């Protein structure tokens, strides 16, 4: 099967990142306002962020998993699971987008990206971090920031699925998209919706939406013309599974056809064409999605373990990968379980 690459795992920022490393890498005037941990909760602008406030037990379970925060432990878990390499997304760091002081926000993310690059540098090429791109509120600075990230060795960046006070298709956002396309880096969107409540049924309802959240975002990127205007842009939808894709593409193509006179802008091709040219998605254990692979494309999907999250493949990884091979055959399984990830992210198998 070749190299096994998990295209979506998480680095749990250790407590000392928030208490020691992050403040130490900020100007003295910023240190009192830097995000901090209160137990398992992230405190931003002096307030506990809602996700951590509602479901602390889920966060705590990931925090204490072996190798959640330490390099040697993570590599040992990967060896146990038969995973050769992994892409590391943030756990709490995206919460820094909630900072009201946007200059401080950029400095905090720059410190995080530097820390993450150092963490992955000790892995012998087995770990690559997903850098956070904090220039969404200053698009004109994106090109220079991306060059800095490339110098640090990053091949993937992530931004929030939505912004406060503006939208990604606003004209002033054009420098962001032009720079992303020119950089050659993969742009990742990760599941990150905020739960509405933690009463009866709250967790189940939250997770039901959380694990298939990308129809709206894909529709937005397509129907605003962003994907058409930037054909070199590569977009990864992480931790949302793949079974949503066939129905989403079919509906989007139908909208493109039936509402052709009403849509603005006018697309040159149906939405499914942009998916097959520019988009990718990760999954963990998605039998329904794999059964519809002909409608998605084996060259569009990447397997992931989602370690150390409780919904990940955990100690089932080998069984999940064996099932993948049975369902799609060894050639396609090799692409999905590592070959495509090596190509997209620059792992040297």
C-alpha atoms as a PDB file:
ATOM      1  CA  UNK A   1       0.000   0.000   0.000  1.00  0.00           C
ATOM      2  CA  UNK A   2       3.026   2.299   0.258  1.00  0.00           C
ATOM      3  CA  UNK A   3       3.364   5.047   2.817  1.00  0.00           C
ATOM      4  CA  UNK A   4       0.373   5.458   5.104  1.00  0.00           C
ATOM      5  CA  UNK A   5      -0.350   9.145   5.686  1.00  0.00           C
ATOM      6  CA  UNK A   6      -3.013  10.464   8.026  1.00  0.00           C
ATOM      7  CA  UNK A   7      -4.213  13.668   6.382  1.00  0.00           C
ATOM      8  CA  UNK A   8      -5.910  15.028   9.497  1.00  0.00           C
ATOM      9  CA  UNK A   9      -4.576  14.709  13.025  1.00  0.00           C
ATOM     10  CA  UNK A  10      -4.322  17.279  15.805  1.00  0.00           C
ATOM     11  CA  UNK A  11      -1.516  18.624  17.913  1.00  0.00           C
ATOM     12  CA  UNK A  12      -2.797  19.417  21.381  1.00  0.00           C
ATOM     13  CA  UNK A  13      -0.940  22.576  22.289  1.00  0.00           C
ATOM     14  CA  UNK A  14       0.627  21.796  25.686  1.00  0.00           C
ATOM     15  CA  UNK A  15      -0.260  24.012  28.667  1.00  0.00           C
ATOM     16  CA  UNK A  16       3.199  25.554  28.628  1.00  0.00           C
ATOM     17  CA  UNK A  17       2.543  26.865  25.115  1.00  0.00           C
ATOM     18  CA  UNK A  18      -0.198  29.099  26.499  1.00  0.00           C
ATOM     19  CA  UNK A  19       1.458  29.929  29.809  1.00  0.00           C
ATOM     20  CA  UNK A  20       5.129  30.204  28.850  1.00  0.00           C
ATOM     21  CA  UNK A  21       5.990  29.931  25.169  1.00  0.00           C
ATOM     22  CA  UNK A  22       3.299  32.156  23.688  1.00  0.00           C
ATOM     23  CA  UNK A  23       3.682  35.036  26.191  1.00  0.00           C
ATOM     24  CA  UNK A  24       7.472  34.837  25.948  1.00  0.00           C
ATOM     25  CA  UNK A  25       7.280  35.377  22.192  1.00  0.00           C
ATOM     26  CA  UNK A  26       5.053  38.447  22.389  1.00  0.00           C
ATOM     27  CA  UNK A  27       5.974  42.054  23.156  1.00  0.00           C
ATOM     28  CA  UNK A  28       5.650  42.839  26.844  1.00  0.00           C
ATOM     29  CA  UNK A  29       2.599  45.049  26.255  1.00  0.00           C
ATOM     30  CA  UNK A  30       0.735  42.080  24.694  1.00  0.00           C
ATOM     31  CA  UNK A  31       1.445  39.424  27.284  1.00  0.00           C
ATOM     32  CA  UNK A  32      -1.394  40.197  29.680  1.00  0.00           C
ATOM     33  CA  UNK A  33      -3.892  40.054  26.801  1.00  0.00           C
ATOM     34  CA  UNK A  34      -2.628  36.832  25.254  1.00  0.00           C
ATOM     35  CA  UNK A  35      -5.012  33.834  25.219  1.00  0.00           C
ATOM     36  CA  UNK A  36      -4.532  31.460  28.135  1.00  0.00           C
ATOM     37  CA  UNK A  37      -5.809  28.164  29.474  1.00  0.00           C
ATOM     38  CA  UNK A  38      -8.202  27.835  32.381  1.00  0.00           C
ATOM     39  CA  UNK A  39      -8.277  24.092  32.968  1.00  0.00           C
ATOM     40  CA  UNK A  40      -9.136  22.718  29.525  1.00  0.00           C
ATOM     41  CA  UNK A  41     -10.831  25.939  28.431  1.00  0.00           C
ATOM     42  CA  UNK A  42      -9.274  28.596  26.222  1.00  0.00           C
ATOM     43  CA  UNK A  43      -9.771  32.124  27.509  1.00  0.00           C
ATOM     44  CA  UNK A  44      -9.794  34.867  24.856  1.00  0.00           C
ATOM     45  CA  UNK A  45     -10.563  38.533  25.542  1.00  0.00           C
ATOM     46  CA  UNK A  46     -11.067  37.489  29.152  1.00  0.00           C
ATOM     47  CA  UNK A  47     -13.927  35.109  28.268  1.00  0.00           C
ATOM     48  CA  UNK A  48     -14.053  31.331  28.078  1.00  0.00           C
ATOM     49  CA  UNK A  49     -14.606  30.209  24.496  1.00  0.00           C
ATOM     50  CA  UNK A  50     -17.976  28.517  24.100  1.00  0.00           C
ATOM     51  CA  UNK A  51     -16.824  25.199  22.601  1.00  0.00           C
ATOM     52  CA  UNK A  52     -14.618  24.425  25.587  1.00  0.00           C
ATOM     53  CA  UNK A  53     -17.235  25.643  28.036  1.00  0.00           C
ATOM     54  CA  UNK A  54     -19.947  23.317  26.715  1.00  0.00           C
ATOM     55  CA  UNK A  55     -18.115  20.040  26.171  1.00  0.00           C
ATOM     56  CA  UNK A  56     -15.037  20.040  28.422  1.00  0.00           C
ATOM     57  CA  UNK A  57     -15.132  16.268  28.804  1.00  0.00           C
ATOM     58  CA  UNK A  58     -14.456  15.749  25.084  1.00  0.00           C
ATOM     59  CA  UNK A  59     -11.587  18.221  25.122  1.00  0.00           C
ATOM     60  CA  UNK A  60     -10.074  16.626  28.224  1.00  0.00           C
ATOM     61  CA  UNK A  61     -10.200  13.174  26.639  1.00  0.00           C
ATOM     62  CA  UNK A  62      -8.094  14.343  23.708  1.00  0.00           C
ATOM     63  CA  UNK A  63      -5.710  16.247  25.979  1.00  0.00           C
ATOM     64  CA  UNK A  64      -4.662  13.149  27.927  1.00  0.00           C
ATOM     65  CA  UNK A  65      -4.320  10.758  24.977  1.00  0.00           C
ATOM     66  CA  UNK A  66      -0.796   9.324  24.554  1.00  0.00           C
ATOM     67  CA  UNK A  67       1.319  11.562  22.357  1.00  0.00           C
ATOM     68  CA  UNK A  68      -1.289  14.305  22.240  1.00  0.00           C
ATOM     69  CA  UNK A  69       1.296  16.994  22.938  1.00  0.00           C
ATOM     70  CA  UNK A  70       4.747  15.363  22.919  1.00  0.00           C
ATOM     71  CA  UNK A  71       6.730  14.370  19.870  1.00  0.00           C
ATOM     72  CA  UNK A  72       8.157  11.048  21.057  1.00  0.00           C
ATOM     73  CA  UNK A  73       4.752   9.924  22.267  1.00  0.00           C
ATOM     74  CA  UNK A  74       3.068  10.850  18.991  1.00  0.00           C
ATOM     75  CA  UNK A  75       5.627   8.976  16.908  1.00  0.00           C
ATOM     76  CA  UNK A  76       5.164   5.934  19.144  1.00  0.00           C
ATOM     77  CA  UNK A  77       1.398   6.023  18.582  1.00  0.00           C
ATOM     78  CA  UNK A  78       1.927   6.314  14.840  1.00  0.00           C
ATOM     79  CA  UNK A  79       4.218   3.281  14.908  1.00  0.00           C
ATOM     80  CA  UNK A  80       1.613   1.331  16.861  1.00  0.00           C
ATOM     81  CA  UNK A  81      -1.103   2.251  14.356  1.00  0.00           C
ATOM     82  CA  UNK A  82       1.047   1.682  11.275  1.00  0.00           C
ATOM     83  CA  UNK A  83       0.964   5.339  10.239  1.00  0.00           C
ATOM     84  CA  UNK A  84       4.113   6.608   8.546  1.00  0.00           C
ATOM     85  CA  UNK A  85       3.321  10.327   8.434  1.00  0.00           C
ATOM     86  CA  UNK A  86       0.639  12.773   9.524  1.00  0.00           C
ATOM     87  CA  UNK A  87      -0.641  16.281   8.949  1.00  0.00           C
ATOM     88  CA  UNK A  88      -1.212  18.186  12.200  1.00  0.00           C
ATOM     89  CA  UNK A  89      -4.102  20.645  12.561  1.00  0.00           C
ATOM     90  CA  UNK A  90      -4.505  22.941  15.598  1.00  0.00           C
ATOM     91  CA  UNK A  91      -6.640  21.999  18.573  1.00  0.00           C
ATOM     92  CA  UNK A  92      -7.289  25.301  20.358  1.00  0.00           C
ATOM     93  CA  UNK A  93      -5.224  27.778  18.379  1.00  0.00           C
ATOM     94  CA  UNK A  94      -7.982  28.735  15.912  1.00  0.00           C
ATOM     95  CA  UNK A  95      -9.735  30.325  18.883  1.00  0.00           C
ATOM     96  CA  UNK A  96      -7.233  33.175  18.619  1.00  0.00           C
ATOM     97  CA  UNK A  97      -9.215  34.497  15.643  1.00  0.00           C
ATOM     98  CA  UNK A  98     -11.672  35.753  18.270  1.00  0.00           C
ATOM     99  CA  UNK A  99      -9.121  38.270  19.586  1.00  0.00           C
ATOM    100  CA  UNK A 100     -10.485  41.796  19.281  1.00  0.00           C
ATOM    101  CA  UNK A 101      -6.979  43.221  18.849  1.00  0.00           C
ATOM    102  CA  UNK A 102      -6.147  42.022  15.346  1.00  0.00           C
ATOM    103  CA  UNK A 103      -2.493  43.069  15.499  1.00  0.00           C
ATOM    104  CA  UNK A 104      -2.140  40.952  18.629  1.00  0.00           C
ATOM    105  CA  UNK A 105      -3.975  38.158  16.823  1.00  0.00           C
ATOM    106  CA  UNK A 106      -1.391  38.141  14.034  1.00  0.00           C
ATOM    107  CA  UNK A 107       1.480  38.134  16.525  1.00  0.00           C
ATOM    108  CA  UNK A 108      -0.088  35.239  18.435  1.00  0.00           C
ATOM    109  CA  UNK A 109      -0.555  33.175  15.290  1.00  0.00           C
ATOM    110  CA  UNK A 110       2.981  33.932  14.161  1.00  0.00           C
ATOM    111  CA  UNK A 111       4.243  32.614  17.482  1.00  0.00           C
ATOM    112  CA  UNK A 112       2.060  29.512  17.086  1.00  0.00           C
ATOM    113  CA  UNK A 113       3.282  28.839  13.559  1.00  0.00           C
ATOM    114  CA  UNK A 114       6.899  29.167  14.692  1.00  0.00           C
ATOM    115  CA  UNK A 115       6.291  26.757  17.579  1.00  0.00           C
ATOM    116  CA  UNK A 116       4.559  24.258  15.283  1.00  0.00           C
ATOM    117  CA  UNK A 117       7.374  24.363  12.739  1.00  0.00           C
ATOM    118  CA  UNK A 118       9.891  23.636  15.520  1.00  0.00           C
ATOM    119  CA  UNK A 119       7.749  20.768  16.817  1.00  0.00           C
ATOM    120  CA  UNK A 120       7.515  19.086  13.415  1.00  0.00           C
ATOM    121  CA  UNK A 121      11.178  19.650  12.590  1.00  0.00           C
ATOM    122  CA  UNK A 122      12.158  16.971  15.096  1.00  0.00           C
ATOM    123  CA  UNK A 123      10.016  14.255  13.485  1.00  0.00           C
ATOM    124  CA  UNK A 124      12.393  13.208  10.727  1.00  0.00           C
ATOM    125  CA  UNK A 125       9.914  14.274   8.059  1.00  0.00           C
ATOM    126  CA  UNK A 126       7.024  12.241   9.478  1.00  0.00           C
ATOM    127  CA  UNK A 127       4.981  15.210  10.715  1.00  0.00           C
ATOM    128  CA  UNK A 128       3.914  18.336   8.875  1.00  0.00           C
ATOM    129  CA  UNK A 129       1.971  21.106  10.522  1.00  0.00           C
ATOM    130  CA  UNK A 130      -0.937  23.064   9.122  1.00  0.00           C
ATOM    131  CA  UNK A 131      -0.036  26.723   9.554  1.00  0.00           C
ATOM    132  CA  UNK A 132      -2.729  29.222  10.455  1.00  0.00           C
ATOM    133  CA  UNK A 133      -2.974  32.147   8.020  1.00  0.00           C
ATOM    134  CA  UNK A 134      -3.932  35.206  10.106  1.00  0.00           C
ATOM    135  CA  UNK A 135      -3.998  37.765   7.283  1.00  0.00           C
ATOM    136  CA  UNK A 136      -7.713  37.387   6.511  1.00  0.00           C
ATOM    137  CA  UNK A 137      -8.334  40.830   8.022  1.00  0.00           C
ATOM    138  CA  UNK A 138      -5.332  42.351   6.219  1.00  0.00           C
ATOM    139  CA  UNK A 139      -5.389  40.614   2.815  1.00  0.00           C
ATOM    140  CA  UNK A 140      -2.719  42.851   1.323  1.00  0.00           C
ATOM    141  CA  UNK A 141      -0.153  41.321   3.707  1.00  0.00           C
ATOM    142  CA  UNK A 142      -0.896  37.734   2.676  1.00  0.00           C
ATOM    143  CA  UNK A 143       1.783  37.263   0.009  1.00  0.00           C
ATOM    144  CA  UNK A 144       4.621  38.208   2.354  1.00  0.00           C
ATOM    145  CA  UNK A 145       3.193  36.105   5.172  1.00  0.00           C
ATOM    146  CA  UNK A 146       2.909  33.052   2.921  1.00  0.00           C
ATOM    147  CA  UNK A 147       6.542  33.418   1.898  1.00  0.00           C
ATOM    148  CA  UNK A 148       7.475  33.355   5.576  1.00  0.00           C
ATOM    149  CA  UNK A 149       5.406  30.202   6.097  1.00  0.00           C
ATOM    150  CA  UNK A 150       7.022  28.496   3.111  1.00  0.00           C
ATOM    151  CA  UNK A 151      10.446  29.329   4.526  1.00  0.00           C
ATOM    152  CA  UNK A 152       9.387  27.568   7.730  1.00  0.00           C
ATOM    153  CA  UNK A 153       8.572  24.460   5.693  1.00  0.00           C
ATOM    154  CA  UNK A 154       4.779  24.600   5.620  1.00  0.00           C
ATOM    155  CA  UNK A 155       2.840  23.199   2.658  1.00  0.00           C
ATOM    156  CA  UNK A 156      -0.700  23.639   4.020  1.00  0.00           C
ATOM    157  CA  UNK A 157      -2.447  26.639   5.586  1.00  0.00           C
ATOM    158  CA  UNK A 158      -5.851  27.021   7.174  1.00  0.00           C
ATOM    159  CA  UNK A 159      -8.308  29.873   7.648  1.00  0.00           C
ATOM    160  CA  UNK A 160     -11.752  30.031   9.296  1.00  0.00           C
ATOM    161  CA  UNK A 161     -14.793  28.962   7.329  1.00  0.00           C
ATOM    162  CA  UNK A 162     -16.364  32.383   7.929  1.00  0.00           C
ATOM    163  CA  UNK A 163     -15.179  35.820   9.011  1.00  0.00           C
ATOM    164  CA  UNK A 164     -16.512  38.514  11.294  1.00  0.00           C
ATOM    165  CA  UNK A 165     -17.727  41.615   9.465  1.00  0.00           C
ATOM    166  CA  UNK A 166     -16.752  40.625   5.935  1.00  0.00           C
ATOM    167  CA  UNK A 167     -17.017  37.787   3.438  1.00  0.00           C
ATOM    168  CA  UNK A 168     -14.348  36.033   1.420  1.00  0.00           C
ATOM    169  CA  UNK A 169     -15.793  37.196  -1.899  1.00  0.00           C
ATOM    170  CA  UNK A 170     -15.568  40.898  -0.991  1.00  0.00           C
ATOM    171  CA  UNK A 171     -13.391  42.801  -3.508  1.00  0.00           C
ATOM    172  CA  UNK A 172     -10.895  43.774  -0.808  1.00  0.00           C
ATOM    173  CA  UNK A 173     -10.184  40.055  -0.239  1.00  0.00           C
ATOM    174  CA  UNK A 174      -8.751  39.593  -3.743  1.00  0.00           C
ATOM    175  CA  UNK A 175      -5.098  39.900  -2.608  1.00  0.00           C
ATOM    176  CA  UNK A 176      -5.654  36.978  -0.232  1.00  0.00           C
ATOM    177  CA  UNK A 177      -6.882  34.655  -2.979  1.00  0.00           C
ATOM    178  CA  UNK A 178      -4.302  35.770  -5.515  1.00  0.00           C
ATOM    179  CA  UNK A 179      -1.508  35.170  -3.016  1.00  0.00           C
ATOM    180  CA  UNK A 180      -2.853  31.765  -1.989  1.00  0.00           C
ATOM    181  CA  UNK A 181      -3.065  30.640  -5.601  1.00  0.00           C
ATOM    182  CA  UNK A 182       0.409  31.943  -6.434  1.00  0.00           C
ATOM    183  CA  UNK A 183       1.967  30.314  -3.359  1.00  0.00           C
ATOM    184  CA  UNK A 184       1.148  26.755  -4.412  1.00  0.00           C
ATOM    185  CA  UNK A 185       0.190  25.929  -0.816  1.00  0.00           C
ATOM    186  CA  UNK A 186      -2.920  23.885  -0.092  1.00  0.00           C
ATOM    187  CA  UNK A 187      -5.713  25.806   1.619  1.00  0.00           C
ATOM    188  CA  UNK A 188      -7.501  23.713   4.265  1.00  0.00           C
ATOM    189  CA  UNK A 189     -10.853  24.293   5.905  1.00  0.00           C
ATOM    190  CA  UNK A 190     -11.464  22.228   9.017  1.00  0.00           C
ATOM    191  CA  UNK A 191     -14.683  21.497  10.863  1.00  0.00           C
ATOM    192  CA  UNK A 192     -15.013  24.135  13.557  1.00  0.00           C
ATOM    193  CA  UNK A 193     -18.646  25.009  14.180  1.00  0.00           C
ATOM    194  CA  UNK A 194     -19.587  26.239  17.658  1.00  0.00           C
ATOM    195  CA  UNK A 195     -22.175  24.143  19.527  1.00  0.00           C
ATOM    196  CA  UNK A 196     -25.408  25.871  20.490  1.00  0.00           C
ATOM    197  CA  UNK A 197     -26.130  24.125  23.771  1.00  0.00           C
ATOM    198  CA  UNK A 198     -25.080  21.245  25.988  1.00  0.00           C
ATOM    199  CA  UNK A 199     -28.519  20.202  27.247  1.00  0.00           C
ATOM    200  CA  UNK A 200     -30.235  16.917  26.418  1.00  0.00           C
ATOM    201  CA  UNK A 201     -29.399  15.984  22.839  1.00  0.00           C
ATOM    202  CA  UNK A 202     -26.979  18.890  22.475  1.00  0.00           C
ATOM    203  CA  UNK A 203     -23.853  16.817  21.988  1.00  0.00           C
ATOM    204  CA  UNK A 204     -25.445  14.446  19.493  1.00  0.00           C
ATOM    205  CA  UNK A 205     -26.995  17.259  17.468  1.00  0.00           C
ATOM    206  CA  UNK A 206     -23.711  19.182  17.472  1.00  0.00           C
ATOM    207  CA  UNK A 207     -21.678  16.199  16.281  1.00  0.00           C
ATOM    208  CA  UNK A 208     -24.239  15.291  13.611  1.00  0.00           C
ATOM    209  CA  UNK A 209     -23.719  18.693  12.001  1.00  0.00           C
ATOM    210  CA  UNK A 210     -20.034  18.961  12.857  1.00  0.00           C
ATOM    211  CA  UNK A 211     -19.038  15.909  10.857  1.00  0.00           C
ATOM    212  CA  UNK A 212     -20.716  17.007   7.606  1.00  0.00           C
ATOM    213  CA  UNK A 213     -20.494  20.805   7.537  1.00  0.00           C
ATOM    214  CA  UNK A 214     -19.100  21.617   4.109  1.00  0.00           C
ATOM    215  CA  UNK A 215     -22.014  21.839   1.663  1.00  0.00           C
ATOM    216  CA  UNK A 216     -22.530  25.532   2.356  1.00  0.00           C
ATOM    217  CA  UNK A 217     -18.830  26.391   2.163  1.00  0.00           C
ATOM    218  CA  UNK A 218     -18.282  24.462  -1.067  1.00  0.00           C
ATOM    219  CA  UNK A 219     -21.353  26.116  -2.567  1.00  0.00           C
ATOM    220  CA  UNK A 220     -20.029  29.517  -1.532  1.00  0.00           C
ATOM    221  CA  UNK A 221     -16.566  28.966  -3.021  1.00  0.00           C
ATOM    222  CA  UNK A 222     -18.111  27.754  -6.268  1.00  0.00           C
ATOM    223  CA  UNK A 223     -21.044  30.123  -6.785  1.00  0.00           C
ATOM    224  CA  UNK A 224     -19.099  33.267  -5.847  1.00  0.00           C
ATOM    225  CA  UNK A 225     -16.684  32.335  -8.637  1.00  0.00           C
ATOM    226  CA  UNK A 226     -13.682  32.091  -6.314  1.00  0.00           C
ATOM    227  CA  UNK A 227     -12.663  28.665  -7.586  1.00  0.00           C
ATOM    228  CA  UNK A 228     -13.210  29.684 -11.199  1.00  0.00           C
ATOM    229  CA  UNK A 229     -11.174  32.876 -10.852  1.00  0.00           C
ATOM    230  CA  UNK A 230      -8.311  31.026  -9.141  1.00  0.00           C
ATOM    231  CA  UNK A 231      -7.929  27.741 -11.003  1.00  0.00           C
ATOM    232  CA  UNK A 232      -4.571  27.002  -9.413  1.00  0.00           C
ATOM    233  CA  UNK A 233      -5.986  27.081  -5.893  1.00  0.00           C
ATOM    234  CA  UNK A 234      -6.165  23.720  -4.116  1.00  0.00           C
ATOM    235  CA  UNK A 235      -8.778  23.406  -1.330  1.00  0.00           C
ATOM    236  CA  UNK A 236      -8.931  20.665   1.292  1.00  0.00           C
ATOM    237  CA  UNK A 237     -12.072  20.025   3.355  1.00  0.00           C
ATOM    238  CA  UNK A 238     -10.880  18.267   6.512  1.00  0.00           C
ATOM    239  CA  UNK A 239     -12.796  16.077   8.979  1.00  0.00           C
ATOM    240  CA  UNK A 240     -16.138  16.329   7.206  1.00  0.00           C
ATOM    241  CA  UNK A 241     -16.153  12.879   5.629  1.00  0.00           C
ATOM    242  CA  UNK A 242     -16.859  12.238   1.953  1.00  0.00           C
ATOM    243  CA  UNK A 243     -20.405  10.877   1.791  1.00  0.00           C
ATOM    244  CA  UNK A 244     -21.762  14.441   1.508  1.00  0.00           C
ATOM    245  CA  UNK A 245     -19.953  15.069  -1.747  1.00  0.00           C
ATOM    246  CA  UNK A 246     -22.021  13.196  -4.392  1.00  0.00           C
ATOM    247  CA  UNK A 247     -25.350  14.704  -3.365  1.00  0.00           C
ATOM    248  CA  UNK A 248     -23.773  18.138  -2.955  1.00  0.00           C
ATOM    249  CA  UNK A 249     -22.279  18.028  -6.446  1.00  0.00           C
ATOM    250  CA  UNK A 250     -25.518  16.762  -7.965  1.00  0.00           C
ATOM    251  CA  UNK A 251     -27.567  19.492  -6.301  1.00  0.00           C
ATOM    252  CA  UNK A 252     -25.053  22.207  -7.164  1.00  0.00           C
ATOM    253  CA  UNK A 253     -25.014  21.124 -10.812  1.00  0.00           C
ATOM    254  CA  UNK A 254     -28.813  21.146 -10.834  1.00  0.00           C
ATOM    255  CA  UNK A 255     -28.862  24.672  -9.394  1.00  0.00           C
ATOM    256  CA  UNK A 256     -26.332  25.748 -12.001  1.00  0.00           C
ATOM    257  CA  UNK A 257     -28.629  24.392 -14.705  1.00  0.00           C
ATOM    258  CA  UNK A 258     -32.096  25.320 -13.426  1.00  0.00           C
ATOM    259  CA  UNK A 259     -31.242  28.794 -12.150  1.00  0.00           C
ATOM    260  CA  UNK A 260     -28.824  29.746 -14.914  1.00  0.00           C
ATOM    261  CA  UNK A 261     -30.620  33.049 -15.615  1.00  0.00           C
ATOM    262  CA  UNK A 262     -30.650  34.069 -11.954  1.00  0.00           C
ATOM    263  CA  UNK A 263     -27.157  33.252 -10.722  1.00  0.00           C
ATOM    264  CA  UNK A 264     -24.469  35.906 -10.408  1.00  0.00           C
ATOM    265  CA  UNK A 265     -21.708  35.466 -11.420  1.00  0.00           C
ATOM    266  CA  UNK A 266     -22.255  33.132 -14.358  1.00  0.00           C
ATOM    267  CA  UNK A 267     -20.028  30.078 -14.132  1.00  0.00           C
ATOM    268  CA  UNK A 268     -18.356  28.721 -17.245  1.00  0.00           C
ATOM    269  CA  UNK A 269     -18.620  25.139 -16.009  1.00  0.00           C
ATOM    270  CA  UNK A 270     -20.912  23.204 -13.662  1.00  0.00           C
ATOM    271  CA  UNK A 271     -19.820  23.132  -9.986  1.00  0.00           C
ATOM    272  CA  UNK A 272     -18.737  19.484 -10.159  1.00  0.00           C
ATOM    273  CA  UNK A 273     -16.027  20.491 -12.641  1.00  0.00           C
ATOM    274  CA  UNK A 274     -14.399  22.759 -10.060  1.00  0.00           C
ATOM    275  CA  UNK A 275     -14.582  20.006  -7.461  1.00  0.00           C
ATOM    276  CA  UNK A 276     -12.760  17.583  -9.742  1.00  0.00           C
ATOM    277  CA  UNK A 277     -10.146  20.174 -10.645  1.00  0.00           C
ATOM    278  CA  UNK A 278      -9.379  21.813  -7.298  1.00  0.00           C
ATOM    279  CA  UNK A 279     -10.956  20.185  -4.250  1.00  0.00           C
ATOM    280  CA  UNK A 280     -10.147  17.368  -1.848  1.00  0.00           C
ATOM    281  CA  UNK A 281     -11.658  15.957   1.346  1.00  0.00           C
ATOM    282  CA  UNK A 282     -10.537  13.759   4.221  1.00  0.00           C
ATOM    283  CA  UNK A 283     -12.438  10.920   5.859  1.00  0.00           C
ATOM    284  CA  UNK A 284     -11.821   8.460   8.680  1.00  0.00           C
ATOM    285  CA  UNK A 285     -14.209   5.546   8.267  1.00  0.00           C
ATOM    286  CA  UNK A 286     -16.882   6.435   5.722  1.00  0.00           C
ATOM    287  CA  UNK A 287     -18.330   3.306   4.106  1.00  0.00           C
ATOM    288  CA  UNK A 288     -21.182   5.190   2.406  1.00  0.00           C
ATOM    289  CA  UNK A 289     -18.722   7.645   0.917  1.00  0.00           C
ATOM    290  CA  UNK A 290     -16.451   4.899  -0.394  1.00  0.00           C
ATOM    291  CA  UNK A 291     -19.441   3.172  -1.976  1.00  0.00           C
ATOM    292  CA  UNK A 292     -19.970   6.363  -4.025  1.00  0.00           C
ATOM    293  CA  UNK A 293     -16.328   6.876  -4.912  1.00  0.00           C
ATOM    294  CA  UNK A 294     -17.034   6.901  -8.652  1.00  0.00           C
ATOM    295  CA  UNK A 295     -19.034  10.109  -8.112  1.00  0.00           C
ATOM    296  CA  UNK A 296     -16.283  11.700  -5.993  1.00  0.00           C
ATOM    297  CA  UNK A 297     -12.987  10.582  -7.501  1.00  0.00           C
ATOM    298  CA  UNK A 298     -10.373   8.421  -5.810  1.00  0.00           C
ATOM    299  CA  UNK A 299      -7.877  11.190  -6.528  1.00  0.00           C
ATOM    300  CA  UNK A 300      -9.979  13.645  -4.477  1.00  0.00           C
ATOM    301  CA  UNK A 301     -10.086  11.886  -1.099  1.00  0.00           C
ATOM    302  CA  UNK A 302      -7.540  11.245   1.645  1.00  0.00           C
ATOM    303  CA  UNK A 303      -7.733   8.941   4.630  1.00  0.00           C
ATOM    304  CA  UNK A 304      -7.096  10.286   8.131  1.00  0.00           C
ATOM    305  CA  UNK A 305      -7.060   8.914  11.667  1.00  0.00           C
ATOM    306  CA  UNK A 306      -8.100  12.192  13.381  1.00  0.00           C
ATOM    307  CA  UNK A 307      -5.884  11.274  16.330  1.00  0.00           C
ATOM    308  CA  UNK A 308      -6.298  11.986  19.247  1.00  0.00           C
ATOM    309  CA  UNK A 309     -10.011  12.773  18.918  1.00  0.00           C
ATOM    310  CA  UNK A 310     -12.425  10.151  20.271  1.00  0.00           C
ATOM    311  CA  UNK A 311     -14.274   9.869  16.948  1.00  0.00           C
ATOM    312  CA  UNK A 312     -11.036   8.944  15.160  1.00  0.00           C
ATOM    313  CA  UNK A 313      -9.936   5.486  14.108  1.00  0.00           C
ATOM    314  CA  UNK A 314      -7.858   5.002  17.270  1.00  0.00           C
ATOM    315  CA  UNK A 315      -6.832   1.372  17.682  1.00  0.00           C
ATOM    316  CA  UNK A 316      -9.027   0.438  14.695  1.00  0.00           C
ATOM    317  CA  UNK A 317      -6.674   1.987  12.138  1.00  0.00           C
ATOM    318  CA  UNK A 318      -5.348  -1.253  10.676  1.00  0.00           C
ATOM    319  CA  UNK A 319      -8.849  -2.723  10.376  1.00  0.00           C
ATOM    320  CA  UNK A 320     -10.128   0.482   8.742  1.00  0.00           C
ATOM    321  CA  UNK A 321      -7.315   0.446   6.185  1.00  0.00           C
ATOM    322  CA  UNK A 322      -7.878  -3.258   5.465  1.00  0.00           C
ATOM    323  CA  UNK A 323     -11.543  -2.483   4.833  1.00  0.00           C
ATOM    324  CA  UNK A 324     -10.534   0.367   2.531  1.00  0.00           C
ATOM    325  CA  UNK A 325      -8.478  -2.044   0.434  1.00  0.00           C
ATOM    326  CA  UNK A 326     -11.333  -4.542   0.265  1.00  0.00           C
ATOM    327  CA  UNK A 327     -13.759  -1.871  -0.889  1.00  0.00           C
ATOM    328  CA  UNK A 328     -11.716  -0.068  -3.528  1.00  0.00           C
ATOM    329  CA  UNK A 329      -8.815  -2.393  -4.370  1.00  0.00           C
ATOM    330  CA  UNK A 330      -5.106  -1.989  -3.600  1.00  0.00           C
ATOM    331  CA  UNK A 331      -4.305   0.596  -6.272  1.00  0.00           C
ATOM    332  CA  UNK A 332      -6.982   3.089  -5.263  1.00  0.00           C
ATOM    333  CA  UNK A 333      -6.388   2.336  -1.594  1.00  0.00           C
ATOM    334  CA  UNK A 334      -2.741   3.244  -2.033  1.00  0.00           C
ATOM    335  CA  UNK A 335      -3.705   6.630  -3.461  1.00  0.00           C
ATOM    336  CA  UNK A 336      -6.268   7.326  -0.747  1.00  0.00           C
ATOM    337  CA  UNK A 337      -4.205   6.133   2.215  1.00  0.00           C
ATOM    338  CA  UNK A 338      -1.019   8.001   1.392  1.00  0.00           C
ATOM    339  CA  UNK A 339      -0.103   8.465  -2.233  1.00  0.00           C
ATOM    340  CA  UNK A 340      -2.209  11.569  -2.763  1.00  0.00           C
ATOM    341  CA  UNK A 341      -1.126  13.048   0.577  1.00  0.00           C
ATOM    342  CA  UNK A 342       2.526  12.646  -0.364  1.00  0.00           C
ATOM    343  CA  UNK A 343       1.849  14.452  -3.630  1.00  0.00           C
ATOM    344  CA  UNK A 344      -0.193  17.300  -2.125  1.00  0.00           C
ATOM    345  CA  UNK A 345       1.716  17.944   1.078  1.00  0.00           C
ATOM    346  CA  UNK A 346       5.281  17.045   0.108  1.00  0.00           C
ATOM    347  CA  UNK A 347       5.891  14.008   2.283  1.00  0.00           C
ATOM    348  CA  UNK A 348       8.905  12.091   1.015  1.00  0.00           C
ATOM    349  CA  UNK A 349       7.745   8.480   1.041  1.00  0.00           C
END
